[in-house]
Amino acid sequence: MIYEPGSKTLGTDLVWLDRSGKTLRPVAEPSFYKGSGRLSPDGKRLAVSMGDPQADIWVFDLTRGSRTRLTFSGATHLMPSWSADGERSGLRATKRGDVDYGTSLCARLANGAGQEEVLVETGSNVSGPAHTLLSLSRRPTAAIYCTWNRRARPGQVCWLYQPQAKRKPFSIVQAQSPQGRIVQFRLSPDGRWLAYSSTDSGREEVYVSHFPSGTGGWQVSQTGGTFPNWRGDSKEIYFIGLDGVLHAAGVNTKSNEFELEWVRPLFQVNYTSPLGNPYDVVSDGQRFVFATYPESVSTPLVLVTNWTAELKK
């Protein structure tokens, strides 16, 4: 018997791409990456979820070429993120590998010291399709996360939680229709705007609202969009269109209201990771880290001899 292993056997690559989509160099060796991971605010480290079947969070030092493992517990750890000062990394921990069972939003020092801190824990009736740890400044830590409550209409809500403020989480934005979902979101580096994708219109589109009030709702994509991201100075938004093209949009940051100046395509995305964010961008917007299928690696055929004897065991 001869068979060809599937892509799960091969894993994925992490590579640097420029604004034209040209591959510059690999970020790390091929592995079972759950998305591209998240770059630290200074761009010198990359927090990434990797492993199969259970994934853990690792921090790659892009300057030294070293890496540090952050999680060890018996759960699947996904969606790593960073505090604004780069000192802590946030993550989503899913027990039993099922978001319907419940997820936890946790944080830990990015150098691996100390213990993991649980910020938000959800029960079996509320699941978290996307969680992100963010920071409003270098001192107070804030967590932005989405929940889906099967009993609520609308059930998809994006919350802000400030543990040090000693107040309950409050809603920033929420789906406006029973069928609507908030799928992805990202806070602008200057802390003024929340970019998110929603299916309220019947198709996933990218919007921007004031943060933390959630007022306004400016549409960025026009023919479908997901996975919003920001340049370090908050003057560009990136998103992947439903046509698989990565787009960039210029933002006027001097205005008190959100003002979109232009939208243009950058390059075709050939592979989108089924878990996590498929890409991240450096602060100057000139390079992107992508999780890609290792197309350059030829898939070997596997020959199994006397395989019928195995069936008799």
Protein backbone atom coordinates (compact mmCIF):
# COMPACT_ATOMS: atom_id res chain seq x y z
CA MET A 1 0.00 0.00 0.00
CA ILE A 2 1.27 3.50 -0.88
CA TYR A 3 -0.20 6.70 0.56
CA GLU A 4 0.61 10.40 0.75
CA PRO A 5 0.61 12.00 4.23
CA GLY A 6 -1.79 14.91 4.73
CA SER A 7 -0.88 18.48 5.64
CA LYS A 8 -1.41 17.75 9.35
CA THR A 9 1.62 15.48 9.20
CA LEU A 10 3.78 18.19 7.68
CA GLY A 11 2.68 21.08 9.87
CA THR A 12 3.09 24.68 8.72
CA ASP A 13 5.81 27.24 8.10
CA LEU A 14 6.21 30.67 9.68
CA VAL A 15 7.60 33.10 7.12
CA TRP A 16 8.24 36.81 6.62
CA LEU A 17 6.51 38.46 3.64
CA ASP A 18 6.93 42.00 2.30
CA ARG A 19 4.08 44.27 1.17
CA SER A 20 4.06 42.66 -2.27
CA GLY A 21 3.65 39.16 -0.82
CA LYS A 22 7.23 38.11 -1.60
CA THR A 23 8.67 35.57 0.83
CA LEU A 24 11.73 37.06 2.52
CA ARG A 25 12.88 34.31 4.89
CA PRO A 26 11.53 31.81 7.42
CA VAL A 27 10.77 32.94 10.97
CA ALA A 28 11.33 29.51 12.50
CA GLU A 29 11.51 25.86 11.53
CA PRO A 30 8.29 24.11 10.37
CA SER A 31 6.05 22.89 13.19
CA PHE A 32 2.39 22.56 14.14
CA TYR A 33 1.66 26.27 14.48
CA LYS A 34 -1.85 27.42 15.37
CA GLY A 35 -1.72 30.60 13.34
CA SER A 36 1.06 33.13 12.92
CA GLY A 37 1.22 34.16 16.56
CA ARG A 38 1.57 37.75 17.80
CA LEU A 39 4.57 40.05 17.60
CA SER A 40 5.57 41.91 20.75
CA PRO A 41 5.12 45.71 20.68
CA ASP A 42 8.84 46.22 20.00
CA GLY A 43 8.83 43.54 17.27
CA LYS A 44 11.68 41.58 18.86
CA ARG A 45 9.65 38.59 20.05
CA LEU A 46 6.88 36.40 18.68
CA ALA A 47 4.37 34.59 20.91
CA VAL A 48 2.95 31.60 19.08
CA SER A 49 0.74 28.61 19.81
CA MET A 50 2.31 25.34 18.64
CA GLY A 51 1.95 21.61 19.19
CA ASP A 52 -0.33 18.76 18.18
CA PRO A 53 -2.80 17.59 19.38
CA GLN A 54 -2.51 19.93 22.38
CA ALA A 55 -0.88 23.30 21.78
CA ASP A 56 1.21 25.40 24.16
CA ILE A 57 2.41 29.01 23.99
CA TRP A 58 6.06 29.65 23.16
CA VAL A 59 7.87 32.99 22.90
CA PHE A 60 10.50 33.22 20.15
CA ASP A 61 13.30 35.72 20.59
CA LEU A 62 13.70 36.91 16.99
CA THR A 63 17.06 38.56 17.71
CA ARG A 64 18.83 35.74 19.56
CA GLY A 65 17.02 32.85 17.89
CA SER A 66 16.05 31.33 21.27
CA ARG A 67 12.61 30.38 22.54
CA THR A 68 10.83 30.07 25.91
CA ARG A 69 7.87 27.86 26.73
CA LEU A 70 5.14 29.63 28.71
CA THR A 71 2.42 27.00 29.27
CA PHE A 72 2.59 23.43 30.55
CA SER A 73 -0.87 22.58 31.86
CA GLY A 74 -3.21 19.99 30.38
CA ALA A 75 -5.18 22.29 28.08
CA THR A 76 -5.00 23.66 24.56
CA HIS A 77 -3.53 27.16 24.62
CA LEU A 78 -4.39 29.45 21.71
CA MET A 79 -4.53 33.09 20.61
CA PRO A 80 -1.43 34.55 22.33
CA SER A 81 -1.22 38.32 22.72
CA TRP A 82 0.79 41.00 24.52
CA SER A 83 0.38 43.75 27.06
CA ALA A 84 1.32 47.20 25.75
CA ASP A 85 4.66 47.23 27.58
CA GLY A 86 5.59 43.74 26.31
CA GLU A 87 6.06 42.38 29.83
CA ARG A 88 3.12 39.99 29.86
CA SER A 89 1.63 37.59 27.37
CA GLY A 90 -2.05 36.72 27.26
CA LEU A 91 -3.57 33.47 26.01
CA ARG A 92 -6.76 31.50 25.72
CA ALA A 93 -6.82 28.12 27.47
CA THR A 94 -9.42 25.59 26.31
CA LYS A 95 -10.00 22.53 28.44
CA ARG A 96 -10.89 19.22 26.78
CA GLY A 97 -10.15 20.85 23.43
CA ASP A 98 -13.71 22.17 23.15
CA VAL A 99 -14.69 25.84 23.41
CA ASP A 100 -18.26 24.77 24.25
CA TYR A 101 -16.95 23.30 27.49
CA GLY A 102 -15.47 26.62 28.48
CA THR A 103 -12.34 28.69 28.05
CA SER A 104 -10.14 30.77 30.29
CA LEU A 105 -8.41 34.05 29.55
CA CYS A 106 -5.02 33.96 31.25
CA ALA A 107 -1.85 36.04 31.50
CA ARG A 108 1.75 35.33 32.42
CA LEU A 109 5.07 37.14 32.41
CA ALA A 110 6.55 36.79 28.94
CA ASN A 111 9.94 35.68 30.30
CA GLY A 112 8.34 32.58 31.80
CA ALA A 113 8.73 33.68 35.42
CA GLY A 114 5.94 33.48 37.97
CA GLN A 115 2.63 31.70 37.74
CA GLU A 116 -0.18 31.84 35.22
CA GLU A 117 -2.96 34.24 36.23
CA VAL A 118 -6.57 33.56 35.29
CA LEU A 119 -8.27 36.82 34.32
CA VAL A 120 -11.59 35.57 32.95
CA GLU A 121 -13.12 32.12 33.16
CA THR A 122 -16.22 31.14 31.18
CA GLY A 123 -18.66 28.36 31.94
CA SER A 124 -20.30 25.74 29.79
CA ASN A 125 -23.08 28.06 28.58
CA VAL A 126 -20.71 30.80 27.42
CA SER A 127 -17.86 30.17 25.03
CA GLY A 128 -15.08 32.50 23.92
CA PRO A 129 -14.38 32.28 20.19
CA ALA A 130 -11.68 34.94 20.51
CA HIS A 131 -9.83 36.35 23.49
CA THR A 132 -7.14 39.00 23.53
CA LEU A 133 -5.12 40.43 26.40
CA LEU A 134 -4.43 44.12 25.95
CA SER A 135 -3.21 47.03 28.05
CA LEU A 136 -4.48 50.58 28.07
CA SER A 137 -1.20 51.85 29.51
CA ARG A 138 1.94 50.49 31.12
CA ARG A 139 0.25 50.11 34.49
CA PRO A 140 -3.42 49.01 34.39
CA THR A 141 -3.99 45.75 32.57
CA ALA A 142 -7.18 45.36 30.57
CA ALA A 143 -8.60 42.33 28.83
CA ILE A 144 -10.84 42.54 25.78
CA TYR A 145 -12.72 39.36 24.96
CA CYS A 146 -15.80 38.10 23.14
CA THR A 147 -18.44 35.77 24.54
CA TRP A 148 -21.30 33.94 22.96
CA ASN A 149 -24.30 33.20 25.15
CA ARG A 150 -26.75 30.77 23.56
CA ARG A 151 -29.63 32.13 25.63
CA ALA A 152 -29.09 35.82 24.87
CA ARG A 153 -30.23 37.81 21.82
CA PRO A 154 -27.99 39.22 20.58
CA GLY A 155 -25.60 36.67 22.01
CA GLN A 156 -22.25 37.93 20.74
CA VAL A 157 -20.71 40.63 22.94
CA CYS A 158 -17.25 42.16 23.09
CA TRP A 159 -16.31 43.04 26.69
CA LEU A 160 -13.68 45.13 28.46
CA TYR A 161 -12.37 43.89 31.80
CA GLN A 162 -10.00 45.86 34.04
CA PRO A 163 -9.05 43.71 37.05
CA GLN A 164 -7.30 46.56 38.89
CA ALA A 165 -10.32 48.84 38.50
CA LYS A 166 -12.40 46.44 40.66
CA ARG A 167 -15.44 46.72 38.43
CA LYS A 168 -17.43 44.20 36.45
CA PRO A 169 -16.71 43.74 32.71
CA PHE A 170 -18.75 46.06 30.51
CA SER A 171 -19.84 45.81 26.90
CA ILE A 172 -17.92 47.66 24.18
CA VAL A 173 -19.66 46.43 21.03
CA GLN A 174 -22.18 43.69 20.40
CA ALA A 175 -23.87 41.99 17.48
CA GLN A 176 -26.97 43.87 16.35
CA SER A 177 -28.94 40.91 15.01
CA PRO A 178 -29.73 37.39 16.28
CA GLN A 179 -27.68 35.86 13.46
CA GLY A 180 -24.82 38.33 13.87
CA ARG A 181 -21.43 37.42 15.30
CA ILE A 182 -18.35 39.42 16.23
CA VAL A 183 -15.66 37.20 14.75
CA GLN A 184 -12.31 38.99 15.14
CA PHE A 185 -11.14 42.20 16.80
CA ARG A 186 -8.00 44.22 17.44
CA LEU A 187 -7.38 47.38 19.48
CA SER A 188 -5.42 50.17 17.78
CA PRO A 189 -1.94 50.78 19.25
CA ASP A 190 -2.91 54.32 20.31
CA GLY A 191 -5.86 52.88 22.27
CA ARG A 192 -8.48 55.02 20.50
CA TRP A 193 -10.20 52.55 18.18
CA LEU A 194 -11.44 48.97 18.17
CA ALA A 195 -11.41 47.28 14.76
CA TYR A 196 -13.61 44.20 14.55
CA SER A 197 -15.34 41.99 12.01
CA SER A 198 -19.05 41.27 12.27
CA THR A 199 -21.61 39.26 10.32
CA ASP A 200 -24.54 41.57 11.10
CA SER A 201 -25.02 42.38 7.41
CA GLY A 202 -25.16 38.70 6.50
CA ARG A 203 -21.52 38.78 5.39
CA GLU A 204 -18.43 39.27 7.51
CA GLU A 205 -17.20 42.87 7.23
CA VAL A 206 -14.63 44.95 9.10
CA TYR A 207 -15.81 47.90 11.22
CA VAL A 208 -14.20 50.41 13.58
CA SER A 209 -15.71 51.91 16.76
CA HIS A 210 -14.51 54.30 19.42
CA PHE A 211 -12.70 52.64 22.32
CA PRO A 212 -13.75 52.08 25.03
CA SER A 213 -17.19 53.66 24.50
CA GLY A 214 -18.01 51.50 21.46
CA THR A 215 -19.81 54.42 19.80
CA GLY A 216 -19.76 54.77 16.05
CA GLY A 217 -19.50 51.92 13.63
CA TRP A 218 -17.53 52.86 10.53
CA GLN A 219 -17.35 50.18 7.86
CA VAL A 220 -13.85 49.58 6.47
CA SER A 221 -14.31 46.65 4.06
CA GLN A 222 -16.96 46.82 1.35
CA THR A 223 -16.98 43.35 -0.20
CA GLY A 224 -16.24 41.25 2.88
CA GLY A 225 -13.35 41.26 5.32
CA THR A 226 -11.89 39.55 8.38
CA PHE A 227 -8.80 39.48 10.64
CA PRO A 228 -8.33 43.25 11.13
CA ASN A 229 -4.91 44.46 12.26
CA TRP A 230 -3.10 47.78 12.76
CA ARG A 231 0.18 49.42 11.91
CA GLY A 232 2.16 50.56 14.95
CA ASP A 233 1.23 54.23 14.52
CA SER A 234 -2.49 53.39 14.01
CA LYS A 235 -2.40 55.03 10.55
CA GLU A 236 -3.12 51.81 8.62
CA ILE A 237 -5.63 48.99 9.06
CA TYR A 238 -5.09 45.62 7.41
CA PHE A 239 -7.67 42.93 6.72
CA ILE A 240 -8.13 39.85 4.57
CA GLY A 241 -10.99 40.11 2.09
CA LEU A 242 -13.32 37.28 1.25
CA ASP A 243 -11.40 37.08 -2.04
CA GLY A 244 -8.33 36.01 -0.05
CA VAL A 245 -6.48 39.28 -0.69
CA LEU A 246 -4.72 41.18 2.11
CA HIS A 247 -5.83 44.82 2.02
CA ALA A 248 -4.44 47.99 3.61
CA ALA A 249 -6.53 51.05 4.51
CA GLY A 250 -5.20 54.50 5.41
CA VAL A 251 -6.54 56.19 8.54
CA ASN A 252 -6.49 59.91 9.41
CA THR A 253 -5.41 59.82 13.06
CA LYS A 254 -5.70 63.59 13.54
CA SER A 255 -9.48 63.56 13.39
CA ASN A 256 -11.60 63.04 16.51
CA GLU A 257 -13.88 60.85 14.44
CA PHE A 258 -12.68 57.85 12.47
CA GLU A 259 -11.75 58.89 8.94
CA LEU A 260 -10.79 56.37 6.27
CA GLU A 261 -8.59 57.87 3.53
CA TRP A 262 -8.06 54.98 1.10
CA VAL A 263 -8.25 51.19 0.73
CA ARG A 264 -5.97 49.18 -1.59
CA PRO A 265 -5.09 45.51 -2.13
CA LEU A 266 -1.60 44.30 -1.21
CA PHE A 267 -1.30 40.62 -2.20
CA GLN A 268 -3.12 37.32 -2.47
CA VAL A 269 -3.06 35.11 0.63
CA ASN A 270 -2.67 31.49 -0.42
CA TYR A 271 -3.22 29.86 2.96
CA THR A 272 -5.27 30.83 6.01
CA SER A 273 -4.61 28.97 9.24
CA PRO A 274 -7.76 27.23 10.56
CA LEU A 275 -6.82 28.23 14.12
CA GLY A 276 -5.53 31.52 15.45
CA ASN A 277 -4.69 34.62 13.45
CA PRO A 278 -3.16 33.87 10.03
CA TYR A 279 -0.81 36.87 10.12
CA ASP A 280 0.69 39.71 12.11
CA VAL A 281 2.49 42.88 11.03
CA VAL A 282 5.58 44.75 12.25
CA SER A 283 5.12 48.26 13.58
CA ASP A 284 6.20 50.05 10.37
CA GLY A 285 3.87 47.95 8.19
CA GLN A 286 6.63 46.80 5.84
CA ARG A 287 6.74 43.10 6.79
CA PHE A 288 4.20 40.47 7.74
CA VAL A 289 4.60 37.14 9.51
CA PHE A 290 2.35 34.46 8.03
CA ALA A 291 1.60 30.85 8.83
CA THR A 292 1.79 29.06 5.48
CA TYR A 293 1.57 25.53 4.16
CA PRO A 294 5.09 24.28 3.30
CA GLU A 295 4.59 24.14 -0.46
CA SER A 296 8.31 24.04 -1.16
CA VAL A 297 8.63 20.74 0.71
CA SER A 298 7.84 17.75 -1.47
CA THR A 299 5.48 15.31 0.21
CA PRO A 300 7.05 11.84 0.35
CA LEU A 301 5.04 8.78 -0.56
CA VAL A 302 4.92 6.15 2.18
CA LEU A 303 5.20 2.47 1.26
CA VAL A 304 3.66 0.03 3.73
CA THR A 305 4.52 -3.65 3.14
CA ASN A 306 2.57 -6.63 4.45
CA TRP A 307 -0.17 -4.28 5.62
CA THR A 308 -2.86 -6.97 5.49
CA ALA A 309 -1.12 -8.76 8.35
CA GLU A 310 -1.80 -5.73 10.57
CA LEU A 311 -5.52 -6.12 9.98
CA LYS A 312 -5.48 -9.57 11.54
CA LYS A 313 -4.00 -8.38 14.83
